Amino acid sequence: MARVRTLPRVTDLLAAAAGAALVFAATNLDDIVVLTVLFVAARGTGRPRPRHIVAGQYLGIGALVAAAVVVAAGLLVVPDPWTGLLGLLPIGLGVRALLAREDDDSPRWSPCGAPPPRCSAATPGWSGWSAAPATGWSRRSSSRSVS
């Protein structure tokens, strides 16, 4: 007797949709925090401008979707048993970064001129390490002034 294919039940679809919504919310909590920091920095200093933050958010999501489409299309070409080997990619990247790191004991640059542990949010012109993407500051770059 041939097996009859049936459509999924409505409860299965609702459960899948609820699970997807929960995963989406959980993975975007950090995004909400970053956007909050960027908008607070924009309100306080005027940089970055809110339109730049929104445009960057849309460009970033668009880039992630485009990359996912390219990777999904590429996985259609790769044989199924080989896809399990993709888990070795992040391990290999971590080992490469570990081997390529600099072994110097010199203190890293900080905007207040002191090593990072003595630098605080009370330092004029300093809003914390988490605002680095918003202001263009880099822990290794000392070419920017703190004003």
N, C-alpha and C. Protein backbone atom coordinates (compact mmCIF):
# COMPACT_ATOMS: atom_id res chain seq x y z
N MET A 1 0.84 -1.17 0.00
CA MET A 1 0.00 0.00 0.00
C MET A 1 0.89 1.24 0.00
N ALA A 2 0.60 2.18 -0.85
CA ALA A 2 1.39 3.41 -0.97
C ALA A 2 1.08 4.34 0.20
N ARG A 3 2.11 4.98 0.63
CA ARG A 3 1.96 5.92 1.74
C ARG A 3 1.41 7.24 1.20
N VAL A 4 0.41 7.77 1.85
CA VAL A 4 -0.23 9.00 1.42
C VAL A 4 0.43 10.16 2.14
N ARG A 5 0.84 11.13 1.38
CA ARG A 5 1.47 12.31 1.95
C ARG A 5 0.38 13.27 2.42
N THR A 6 0.51 13.75 3.64
CA THR A 6 -0.48 14.67 4.17
C THR A 6 0.16 16.02 4.46
N LEU A 7 -0.66 17.03 4.49
CA LEU A 7 -0.19 18.36 4.83
C LEU A 7 0.06 18.45 6.33
N PRO A 8 0.98 19.29 6.74
CA PRO A 8 1.21 19.44 8.18
C PRO A 8 -0.03 20.05 8.85
N ARG A 9 -0.21 19.67 10.09
CA ARG A 9 -1.34 20.21 10.83
C ARG A 9 -1.09 21.67 11.17
N VAL A 10 -2.16 22.38 11.42
CA VAL A 10 -2.07 23.79 11.75
C VAL A 10 -1.28 23.99 13.04
N THR A 11 -1.44 23.11 13.98
CA THR A 11 -0.71 23.25 15.25
C THR A 11 0.80 23.11 15.03
N ASP A 12 1.20 22.25 14.10
CA ASP A 12 2.62 22.13 13.79
C ASP A 12 3.16 23.43 13.19
N LEU A 13 2.37 24.03 12.30
CA LEU A 13 2.80 25.28 11.69
C LEU A 13 2.87 26.41 12.72
N LEU A 14 1.89 26.46 13.62
CA LEU A 14 1.90 27.48 14.66
C LEU A 14 3.08 27.28 15.61
N ALA A 15 3.38 26.04 15.95
CA ALA A 15 4.52 25.76 16.82
C ALA A 15 5.83 26.16 16.15
N ALA A 16 5.95 25.88 14.86
CA ALA A 16 7.16 26.27 14.13
C ALA A 16 7.29 27.78 14.05
N ALA A 17 6.18 28.47 13.81
CA ALA A 17 6.21 29.94 13.74
C ALA A 17 6.55 30.54 15.10
N ALA A 18 6.00 29.99 16.18
CA ALA A 18 6.30 30.49 17.51
C ALA A 18 7.77 30.25 17.85
N GLY A 19 8.28 29.09 17.51
CA GLY A 19 9.70 28.79 17.74
C GLY A 19 10.60 29.72 16.96
N ALA A 20 10.25 30.01 15.70
CA ALA A 20 11.05 30.92 14.88
C ALA A 20 11.03 32.33 15.47
N ALA A 21 9.87 32.77 15.94
CA ALA A 21 9.77 34.11 16.54
C ALA A 21 10.60 34.19 17.81
N LEU A 22 10.59 33.14 18.60
CA LEU A 22 11.37 33.13 19.84
C LEU A 22 12.88 33.16 19.55
N VAL A 23 13.30 32.38 18.58
CA VAL A 23 14.72 32.36 18.21
C VAL A 23 15.13 33.72 17.64
N PHE A 24 14.27 34.33 16.82
CA PHE A 24 14.57 35.65 16.26
C PHE A 24 14.74 36.68 17.37
N ALA A 25 13.83 36.67 18.34
CA ALA A 25 13.90 37.63 19.44
C ALA A 25 15.16 37.40 20.28
N ALA A 26 15.48 36.15 20.55
CA ALA A 26 16.65 35.85 21.38
C ALA A 26 17.95 36.25 20.70
N THR A 27 18.04 36.06 19.40
CA THR A 27 19.28 36.38 18.71
C THR A 27 19.42 37.87 18.43
N ASN A 28 18.34 38.63 18.56
CA ASN A 28 18.42 40.06 18.29
C ASN A 28 18.48 40.92 19.54
N LEU A 29 18.58 40.30 20.72
CA LEU A 29 18.72 41.09 21.95
C LEU A 29 20.00 41.92 21.93
N ASP A 30 21.09 41.36 21.46
CA ASP A 30 22.34 42.11 21.41
C ASP A 30 22.25 43.24 20.40
N ASP A 31 21.52 43.04 19.33
CA ASP A 31 21.33 44.08 18.34
C ASP A 31 20.58 45.28 18.94
N ILE A 32 19.60 45.00 19.77
CA ILE A 32 18.85 46.07 20.43
C ILE A 32 19.77 46.87 21.35
N VAL A 33 20.65 46.19 22.06
CA VAL A 33 21.59 46.87 22.96
C VAL A 33 22.54 47.75 22.16
N VAL A 34 23.09 47.22 21.08
CA VAL A 34 24.02 47.99 20.25
C VAL A 34 23.32 49.21 19.65
N LEU A 35 22.10 49.03 19.14
CA LEU A 35 21.38 50.17 18.58
C LEU A 35 21.08 51.21 19.64
N THR A 36 20.76 50.77 20.85
CA THR A 36 20.51 51.72 21.94
C THR A 36 21.76 52.53 22.23
N VAL A 37 22.91 51.87 22.32
CA VAL A 37 24.17 52.58 22.57
C VAL A 37 24.46 53.57 21.44
N LEU A 38 24.23 53.16 20.20
CA LEU A 38 24.49 54.06 19.08
C LEU A 38 23.57 55.28 19.10
N PHE A 39 22.28 55.08 19.38
CA PHE A 39 21.36 56.21 19.42
C PHE A 39 21.63 57.13 20.60
N VAL A 40 22.05 56.57 21.73
CA VAL A 40 22.42 57.41 22.88
C VAL A 40 23.67 58.23 22.54
N ALA A 41 24.64 57.61 21.89
CA ALA A 41 25.85 58.33 21.47
C ALA A 41 25.50 59.42 20.47
N ALA A 42 24.57 59.12 19.56
CA ALA A 42 24.15 60.11 18.57
C ALA A 42 23.45 61.28 19.23
N ARG A 43 22.69 61.01 20.25
CA ARG A 43 21.97 62.08 20.94
C ARG A 43 22.94 62.97 21.72
N GLY A 44 23.95 62.36 22.29
CA GLY A 44 24.89 63.12 23.10
C GLY A 44 25.91 63.89 22.29
N THR A 45 26.42 63.29 21.23
CA THR A 45 27.52 63.91 20.48
C THR A 45 27.12 64.36 19.08
N GLY A 46 26.01 63.89 18.58
CA GLY A 46 25.60 64.22 17.22
C GLY A 46 26.23 63.32 16.18
N ARG A 47 27.09 62.41 16.61
CA ARG A 47 27.72 61.45 15.70
C ARG A 47 27.59 60.07 16.27
N PRO A 48 27.28 59.08 15.56
CA PRO A 48 26.78 59.10 14.19
C PRO A 48 25.37 59.66 14.14
N ARG A 49 24.98 60.11 13.00
CA ARG A 49 23.63 60.65 12.85
C ARG A 49 22.63 59.49 12.82
N PRO A 50 21.43 59.73 13.33
CA PRO A 50 20.43 58.65 13.35
C PRO A 50 20.16 58.04 11.98
N ARG A 51 20.18 58.84 10.94
CA ARG A 51 19.94 58.26 9.60
C ARG A 51 21.08 57.32 9.20
N HIS A 52 22.29 57.60 9.66
CA HIS A 52 23.41 56.69 9.38
C HIS A 52 23.24 55.38 10.14
N ILE A 53 22.73 55.45 11.36
CA ILE A 53 22.50 54.24 12.15
C ILE A 53 21.46 53.37 11.48
N VAL A 54 20.35 53.99 11.06
CA VAL A 54 19.26 53.23 10.41
C VAL A 54 19.74 52.66 9.08
N ALA A 55 20.45 53.47 8.29
CA ALA A 55 20.97 52.98 7.01
C ALA A 55 21.95 51.83 7.23
N GLY A 56 22.81 51.95 8.24
CA GLY A 56 23.75 50.87 8.54
C GLY A 56 23.05 49.60 8.98
N GLN A 57 21.97 49.76 9.73
CA GLN A 57 21.19 48.58 10.17
C GLN A 57 20.61 47.86 8.95
N TYR A 58 19.99 48.61 8.03
CA TYR A 58 19.41 47.99 6.85
C TYR A 58 20.48 47.39 5.93
N LEU A 59 21.60 48.09 5.77
CA LEU A 59 22.68 47.55 4.94
C LEU A 59 23.27 46.28 5.56
N GLY A 60 23.40 46.28 6.88
CA GLY A 60 23.93 45.09 7.55
C GLY A 60 23.02 43.89 7.41
N ILE A 61 21.72 44.10 7.62
CA ILE A 61 20.77 42.99 7.47
C ILE A 61 20.73 42.53 6.03
N GLY A 62 20.78 43.48 5.09
CA GLY A 62 20.80 43.11 3.67
C GLY A 62 22.03 42.29 3.31
N ALA A 63 23.18 42.67 3.86
CA ALA A 63 24.41 41.92 3.60
C ALA A 63 24.32 40.51 4.18
N LEU A 64 23.73 40.39 5.38
CA LEU A 64 23.58 39.05 5.97
C LEU A 64 22.65 38.18 5.16
N VAL A 65 21.55 38.75 4.67
CA VAL A 65 20.62 37.97 3.84
C VAL A 65 21.29 37.56 2.54
N ALA A 66 22.02 38.49 1.92
CA ALA A 66 22.72 38.16 0.67
C ALA A 66 23.76 37.06 0.89
N ALA A 67 24.51 37.15 1.99
CA ALA A 67 25.50 36.12 2.29
C ALA A 67 24.82 34.78 2.53
N ALA A 68 23.68 34.78 3.22
CA ALA A 68 22.97 33.53 3.48
C ALA A 68 22.47 32.91 2.19
N VAL A 69 22.01 33.73 1.25
CA VAL A 69 21.54 33.21 -0.03
C VAL A 69 22.70 32.59 -0.81
N VAL A 70 23.84 33.27 -0.81
CA VAL A 70 25.02 32.75 -1.52
C VAL A 70 25.48 31.44 -0.90
N VAL A 71 25.53 31.38 0.43
CA VAL A 71 25.97 30.16 1.11
C VAL A 71 24.97 29.03 0.87
N ALA A 72 23.68 29.33 0.91
CA ALA A 72 22.67 28.29 0.66
C ALA A 72 22.79 27.76 -0.76
N ALA A 73 23.03 28.64 -1.72
CA ALA A 73 23.21 28.20 -3.11
C ALA A 73 24.49 27.37 -3.23
N GLY A 74 25.53 27.75 -2.52
CA GLY A 74 26.78 26.99 -2.55
C GLY A 74 26.62 25.61 -1.93
N LEU A 75 25.79 25.51 -0.90
CA LEU A 75 25.58 24.21 -0.26
C LEU A 75 24.80 23.24 -1.15
N LEU A 76 24.12 23.75 -2.15
CA LEU A 76 23.45 22.86 -3.10
C LEU A 76 24.46 22.11 -3.96
N VAL A 77 25.64 22.70 -4.11
CA VAL A 77 26.69 22.10 -4.93
C VAL A 77 27.54 21.12 -4.13
N VAL A 78 27.72 21.41 -2.85
CA VAL A 78 28.57 20.59 -1.98
C VAL A 78 27.85 19.29 -1.64
N PRO A 79 28.52 18.16 -1.73
CA PRO A 79 27.88 16.90 -1.34
C PRO A 79 27.48 16.91 0.14
N ASP A 80 26.35 16.27 0.46
CA ASP A 80 25.81 16.29 1.82
C ASP A 80 26.79 15.81 2.89
N PRO A 81 27.55 14.76 2.70
CA PRO A 81 28.47 14.34 3.77
C PRO A 81 29.54 15.38 4.09
N TRP A 82 29.86 16.23 3.16
CA TRP A 82 30.90 17.23 3.38
C TRP A 82 30.42 18.43 4.20
N THR A 83 29.12 18.64 4.25
CA THR A 83 28.62 19.81 4.98
C THR A 83 28.93 19.73 6.47
N GLY A 84 29.06 18.53 7.00
CA GLY A 84 29.42 18.38 8.41
C GLY A 84 30.81 18.90 8.70
N LEU A 85 31.67 18.93 7.70
CA LEU A 85 33.03 19.42 7.88
C LEU A 85 33.07 20.94 8.02
N LEU A 86 31.98 21.62 7.69
CA LEU A 86 31.95 23.08 7.82
C LEU A 86 32.08 23.51 9.29
N GLY A 87 31.78 22.63 10.22
CA GLY A 87 31.95 22.93 11.63
C GLY A 87 33.41 23.12 12.02
N LEU A 88 34.32 22.62 11.21
CA LEU A 88 35.75 22.80 11.47
C LEU A 88 36.23 24.20 11.08
N LEU A 89 35.45 24.91 10.29
CA LEU A 89 35.85 26.24 9.84
C LEU A 89 36.06 27.21 11.00
N PRO A 90 35.12 27.38 11.94
CA PRO A 90 35.38 28.31 13.03
C PRO A 90 36.54 27.88 13.93
N ILE A 91 36.73 26.58 14.08
CA ILE A 91 37.85 26.09 14.87
C ILE A 91 39.17 26.46 14.19
N GLY A 92 39.23 26.28 12.88
CA GLY A 92 40.42 26.64 12.13
C GLY A 92 40.70 28.14 12.18
N LEU A 93 39.65 28.95 12.08
CA LEU A 93 39.84 30.40 12.17
C LEU A 93 40.35 30.80 13.56
N GLY A 94 39.85 30.16 14.59
CA GLY A 94 40.31 30.46 15.95
C GLY A 94 41.76 30.07 16.16
N VAL A 95 42.15 28.90 15.66
CA VAL A 95 43.55 28.46 15.78
C VAL A 95 44.45 29.40 15.01
N ARG A 96 44.03 29.83 13.81
CA ARG A 96 44.83 30.77 13.02
C ARG A 96 45.02 32.09 13.76
N ALA A 97 43.95 32.60 14.37
CA ALA A 97 44.05 33.85 15.12
C ALA A 97 44.94 33.68 16.35
N LEU A 98 44.86 32.52 16.98
CA LEU A 98 45.71 32.26 18.15
C LEU A 98 47.18 32.24 17.77
N LEU A 99 47.49 31.64 16.64
CA LEU A 99 48.88 31.57 16.20
C LEU A 99 49.39 32.90 15.67
N ALA A 100 48.51 33.76 15.18
CA ALA A 100 48.92 35.03 14.59
C ALA A 100 48.89 36.18 15.57
N ARG A 101 48.49 35.95 16.81
CA ARG A 101 48.38 37.06 17.77
C ARG A 101 49.74 37.59 18.13
N GLU A 102 49.73 38.85 18.55
CA GLU A 102 50.97 39.49 18.96
C GLU A 102 51.22 39.20 20.42
N ASP A 103 52.44 38.85 20.74
CA ASP A 103 52.80 38.54 22.13
C ASP A 103 53.58 39.70 22.74
N ASP A 104 52.95 40.86 22.82
CA ASP A 104 53.62 41.97 23.46
C ASP A 104 52.89 42.31 24.77
N ASP A 105 53.65 42.81 25.71
CA ASP A 105 53.08 43.15 27.01
C ASP A 105 52.83 44.64 27.14
N SER A 106 52.97 45.40 26.07
CA SER A 106 52.75 46.84 26.15
C SER A 106 51.26 47.11 26.33
N PRO A 107 50.92 48.13 27.12
CA PRO A 107 49.51 48.43 27.33
C PRO A 107 48.86 48.92 26.05
N ARG A 108 47.59 48.62 25.90
CA ARG A 108 46.85 49.04 24.72
C ARG A 108 46.51 50.52 24.85
N TRP A 109 46.26 51.15 23.73
CA TRP A 109 45.91 52.56 23.71
C TRP A 109 44.53 52.76 24.31
N SER A 110 44.36 53.85 25.04
CA SER A 110 43.03 54.21 25.54
C SER A 110 42.84 55.71 25.34
N PRO A 111 41.62 56.16 25.18
CA PRO A 111 41.37 57.57 24.88
C PRO A 111 41.82 58.53 25.97
N CYS A 112 41.88 58.08 27.22
CA CYS A 112 42.26 59.00 28.28
C CYS A 112 43.77 59.01 28.50
N GLY A 113 44.51 58.22 27.72
CA GLY A 113 45.96 58.21 27.83
C GLY A 113 46.49 57.24 28.85
N ALA A 114 45.62 56.66 29.65
CA ALA A 114 46.03 55.69 30.66
C ALA A 114 45.67 54.30 30.18
N PRO A 115 46.30 53.27 30.73
CA PRO A 115 45.89 51.92 30.37
C PRO A 115 44.40 51.73 30.66
N PRO A 116 43.68 50.90 29.90
CA PRO A 116 42.23 50.76 30.02
C PRO A 116 41.68 50.56 31.41
N PRO A 117 42.32 49.86 32.35
CA PRO A 117 41.69 49.71 33.66
C PRO A 117 41.50 51.03 34.40
N ARG A 118 42.36 52.04 34.15
CA ARG A 118 42.24 53.31 34.86
C ARG A 118 41.36 54.30 34.11
N CYS A 119 40.94 53.95 32.92
CA CYS A 119 40.11 54.83 32.12
C CYS A 119 38.65 54.59 32.50
N SER A 120 37.88 55.63 32.67
CA SER A 120 36.49 55.44 33.08
C SER A 120 35.57 56.28 32.22
N ALA A 121 34.27 56.03 32.40
CA ALA A 121 33.27 56.78 31.66
C ALA A 121 33.25 58.24 32.09
N ALA A 122 33.87 58.56 33.25
CA ALA A 122 33.90 59.94 33.72
C ALA A 122 34.97 60.76 32.99
N THR A 123 35.83 60.12 32.23
CA THR A 123 36.86 60.83 31.48
C THR A 123 36.17 61.70 30.42
N PRO A 124 36.51 62.98 30.31
CA PRO A 124 35.85 63.85 29.33
C PRO A 124 36.01 63.30 27.92
N GLY A 125 34.92 63.27 27.19
CA GLY A 125 34.94 62.81 25.81
C GLY A 125 34.97 61.32 25.66
N TRP A 126 34.83 60.60 26.72
CA TRP A 126 34.92 59.14 26.65
C TRP A 126 33.59 58.54 27.05
N SER A 127 33.04 57.70 26.18
CA SER A 127 31.74 57.10 26.49
C SER A 127 31.83 55.59 26.67
N GLY A 128 33.01 55.04 26.76
CA GLY A 128 33.16 53.62 27.04
C GLY A 128 33.58 52.82 25.82
N TRP A 129 34.14 51.64 26.07
CA TRP A 129 34.60 50.79 24.97
C TRP A 129 33.48 50.35 24.07
N SER A 130 32.25 50.19 24.59
CA SER A 130 31.16 49.69 23.77
C SER A 130 30.74 50.68 22.71
N ALA A 131 31.11 51.94 22.83
CA ALA A 131 30.75 52.94 21.84
C ALA A 131 31.77 53.02 20.72
N ALA A 132 32.78 52.16 20.73
CA ALA A 132 33.83 52.22 19.73
C ALA A 132 33.30 52.16 18.30
N PRO A 133 32.35 51.26 17.95
CA PRO A 133 31.88 51.25 16.57
C PRO A 133 31.15 52.54 16.20
N ALA A 134 30.51 53.18 17.18
CA ALA A 134 29.74 54.37 16.90
C ALA A 134 30.64 55.56 16.61
N THR A 135 31.76 55.64 17.27
CA THR A 135 32.61 56.81 17.16
C THR A 135 33.80 56.59 16.24
N GLY A 136 34.02 55.38 15.80
CA GLY A 136 35.15 55.09 14.94
C GLY A 136 36.45 54.90 15.70
N TRP A 137 36.38 54.82 17.02
CA TRP A 137 37.57 54.64 17.84
C TRP A 137 38.05 53.21 17.72
N SER A 138 39.30 53.03 17.81
CA SER A 138 39.87 51.70 17.78
C SER A 138 40.79 51.56 18.98
N ARG A 139 40.83 50.38 19.57
CA ARG A 139 41.71 50.17 20.72
C ARG A 139 43.17 50.25 20.31
N ARG A 140 43.47 50.02 19.05
CA ARG A 140 44.85 50.04 18.61
C ARG A 140 45.23 51.37 17.93
N SER A 141 44.27 52.18 17.59
CA SER A 141 44.54 53.42 16.89
C SER A 141 44.67 54.57 17.85
N SER A 142 45.71 55.34 17.73
CA SER A 142 45.86 56.49 18.59
C SER A 142 45.84 57.79 17.79
N SER A 143 45.39 57.73 16.53
CA SER A 143 45.43 58.89 15.68
C SER A 143 44.28 59.85 15.93
N ARG A 144 43.22 59.40 16.59
CA ARG A 144 42.07 60.26 16.88
C ARG A 144 42.27 61.01 18.18
N SER A 145 41.78 62.22 18.21
CA SER A 145 41.85 62.97 19.45
C SER A 145 40.58 62.74 20.25
N VAL A 146 40.65 62.98 21.54
CA VAL A 146 39.52 62.74 22.43
C VAL A 146 38.90 64.09 22.77
N SER A 147 38.02 64.55 21.90
CA SER A 147 37.38 65.84 22.18
C SER A 147 35.92 65.77 21.88
